[in-house]
Amino acid sequence: MNLATAATPLERSFPGIAVVPLANGSWRVTRRDGVLVGNVEPVGDEAGQRYRAKRFTPRDRGFRPIGEFWTPAEAVDALRFG
């Protein structure tokens, strides 16, 4: 996935979570009440395309990486259940 293009919509919905594609090719993950949970961004190298989940931490007012996954849905699930 080219980071310069918009993210494609995820092919499934997530209970209690809203996933919004961003212009830079990543997704914003929020609870249904609008509270930011984190971001999912595509990363790639010679091993193939992966998706990095980053959790928003209000105390630090920033994002902390929690892992890289083979699909964006797995990355969203890590934010949901982590």
C-alpha atoms as a PDB file:
ATOM      1  CA  MET A   1       0.000   0.000   0.000  1.00  0.00           C
ATOM      2  CA  ASN A   2       1.333   3.402  -0.920  1.00  0.00           C
ATOM      3  CA  LEU A   3       1.393   5.721   2.086  1.00  0.00           C
ATOM      4  CA  ALA A   4       0.535   8.661  -0.174  1.00  0.00           C
ATOM      5  CA  THR A   5      -2.891   7.195  -1.022  1.00  0.00           C
ATOM      6  CA  ALA A   6      -5.963   7.050   1.151  1.00  0.00           C
ATOM      7  CA  ALA A   7      -6.546   3.929   3.207  1.00  0.00           C
ATOM      8  CA  THR A   8      -9.066   1.470   1.898  1.00  0.00           C
ATOM      9  CA  PRO A   9     -12.033   0.699   4.156  1.00  0.00           C
ATOM     10  CA  LEU A  10     -11.676  -2.350   6.352  1.00  0.00           C
ATOM     11  CA  GLU A  11     -13.855  -5.203   5.165  1.00  0.00           C
ATOM     12  CA  ARG A  12     -15.476  -5.887   8.521  1.00  0.00           C
ATOM     13  CA  SER A  13     -17.020  -3.919  11.343  1.00  0.00           C
ATOM     14  CA  PHE A  14     -15.863  -4.052  14.944  1.00  0.00           C
ATOM     15  CA  PRO A  15     -18.316  -4.035  17.869  1.00  0.00           C
ATOM     16  CA  GLY A  16     -17.927  -0.878  19.930  1.00  0.00           C
ATOM     17  CA  ILE A  17     -15.199   0.519  17.667  1.00  0.00           C
ATOM     18  CA  ALA A  18     -15.216   3.001  14.781  1.00  0.00           C
ATOM     19  CA  VAL A  19     -12.422   2.767  12.216  1.00  0.00           C
ATOM     20  CA  VAL A  20     -11.918   5.815   9.998  1.00  0.00           C
ATOM     21  CA  PRO A  21      -9.538   5.848   7.011  1.00  0.00           C
ATOM     22  CA  LEU A  22      -7.077   8.748   7.002  1.00  0.00           C
ATOM     23  CA  ALA A  23      -5.530  10.483   3.992  1.00  0.00           C
ATOM     24  CA  ASN A  24      -2.026   9.171   4.714  1.00  0.00           C
ATOM     25  CA  GLY A  25      -3.053   5.519   4.271  1.00  0.00           C
ATOM     26  CA  SER A  26      -3.595   4.754   7.956  1.00  0.00           C
ATOM     27  CA  TRP A  27      -6.736   4.375  10.072  1.00  0.00           C
ATOM     28  CA  ARG A  28      -7.926   6.121  13.246  1.00  0.00           C
ATOM     29  CA  VAL A  29      -9.528   3.787  15.791  1.00  0.00           C
ATOM     30  CA  THR A  30     -12.012   5.268  18.273  1.00  0.00           C
ATOM     31  CA  ARG A  31     -14.621   3.972  20.665  1.00  0.00           C
ATOM     32  CA  ARG A  32     -18.171   4.631  19.529  1.00  0.00           C
ATOM     33  CA  ASP A  33     -18.352   7.560  21.980  1.00  0.00           C
ATOM     34  CA  GLY A  34     -15.473   9.248  20.113  1.00  0.00           C
ATOM     35  CA  VAL A  35     -12.626   8.512  22.549  1.00  0.00           C
ATOM     36  CA  LEU A  36      -9.405   7.890  20.622  1.00  0.00           C
ATOM     37  CA  VAL A  37      -8.015   4.363  21.065  1.00  0.00           C
ATOM     38  CA  GLY A  38      -5.149   4.479  18.582  1.00  0.00           C
ATOM     39  CA  ASN A  39      -4.010   4.292  14.975  1.00  0.00           C
ATOM     40  CA  VAL A  40      -3.191   1.538  12.516  1.00  0.00           C
ATOM     41  CA  GLU A  41      -0.608   2.332   9.857  1.00  0.00           C
ATOM     42  CA  PRO A  42       0.763   0.269   6.974  1.00  0.00           C
ATOM     43  CA  VAL A  43       4.457  -0.611   7.060  1.00  0.00           C
ATOM     44  CA  GLY A  44       6.270  -2.637   4.466  1.00  0.00           C
ATOM     45  CA  ASP A  45       9.639  -4.089   3.625  1.00  0.00           C
ATOM     46  CA  GLU A  46      11.064  -7.015   1.690  1.00  0.00           C
ATOM     47  CA  ALA A  47       9.149  -9.406   3.998  1.00  0.00           C
ATOM     48  CA  GLY A  48       5.819  -7.947   2.870  1.00  0.00           C
ATOM     49  CA  GLN A  49       3.108  -5.564   3.969  1.00  0.00           C
ATOM     50  CA  ARG A  50       2.297  -5.370   7.675  1.00  0.00           C
ATOM     51  CA  TYR A  51       0.179  -3.067   9.839  1.00  0.00           C
ATOM     52  CA  ARG A  52       1.444  -1.359  12.992  1.00  0.00           C
ATOM     53  CA  ALA A  53      -1.006  -0.748  15.834  1.00  0.00           C
ATOM     54  CA  LYS A  54      -0.251   2.263  18.022  1.00  0.00           C
ATOM     55  CA  ARG A  55      -2.230   2.908  21.211  1.00  0.00           C
ATOM     56  CA  PHE A  56      -2.968   6.486  22.245  1.00  0.00           C
ATOM     57  CA  THR A  57      -1.940   7.206  25.828  1.00  0.00           C
ATOM     58  CA  PRO A  58      -3.639  10.330  27.222  1.00  0.00           C
ATOM     59  CA  ARG A  59      -1.089  10.700  30.020  1.00  0.00           C
ATOM     60  CA  ASP A  60       1.754  10.976  27.495  1.00  0.00           C
ATOM     61  CA  ARG A  61      -0.412  12.677  24.849  1.00  0.00           C
ATOM     62  CA  GLY A  62       1.133  10.400  22.281  1.00  0.00           C
ATOM     63  CA  PHE A  63       1.127   6.969  20.689  1.00  0.00           C
ATOM     64  CA  ARG A  64       2.935   3.797  21.757  1.00  0.00           C
ATOM     65  CA  PRO A  65       3.508   0.963  19.286  1.00  0.00           C
ATOM     66  CA  ILE A  66       1.949  -2.294  20.462  1.00  0.00           C
ATOM     67  CA  GLY A  67       2.892  -4.541  17.544  1.00  0.00           C
ATOM     68  CA  GLU A  68       2.891  -5.297  13.834  1.00  0.00           C
ATOM     69  CA  PHE A  69       0.300  -7.563  12.232  1.00  0.00           C
ATOM     70  CA  TRP A  70      -0.315  -9.178   8.828  1.00  0.00           C
ATOM     71  CA  THR A  71      -3.778  -7.634   8.371  1.00  0.00           C
ATOM     72  CA  PRO A  72      -5.297  -4.312   9.417  1.00  0.00           C
ATOM     73  CA  ALA A  73      -8.165  -6.209  11.120  1.00  0.00           C
ATOM     74  CA  GLU A  74      -5.673  -8.018  13.389  1.00  0.00           C
ATOM     75  CA  ALA A  75      -4.109  -4.661  14.303  1.00  0.00           C
ATOM     76  CA  VAL A  76      -7.549  -3.204  15.150  1.00  0.00           C
ATOM     77  CA  ASP A  77      -8.339  -6.271  17.260  1.00  0.00           C
ATOM     78  CA  ALA A  78      -5.089  -5.755  19.184  1.00  0.00           C
ATOM     79  CA  LEU A  79      -6.232  -2.224  20.021  1.00  0.00           C
ATOM     80  CA  ARG A  80      -9.737  -3.447  20.946  1.00  0.00           C
ATOM     81  CA  PHE A  81      -8.619  -6.245  23.245  1.00  0.00           C
ATOM     82  CA  GLY A  82      -5.244  -4.948  24.429  1.00  0.00           C
END
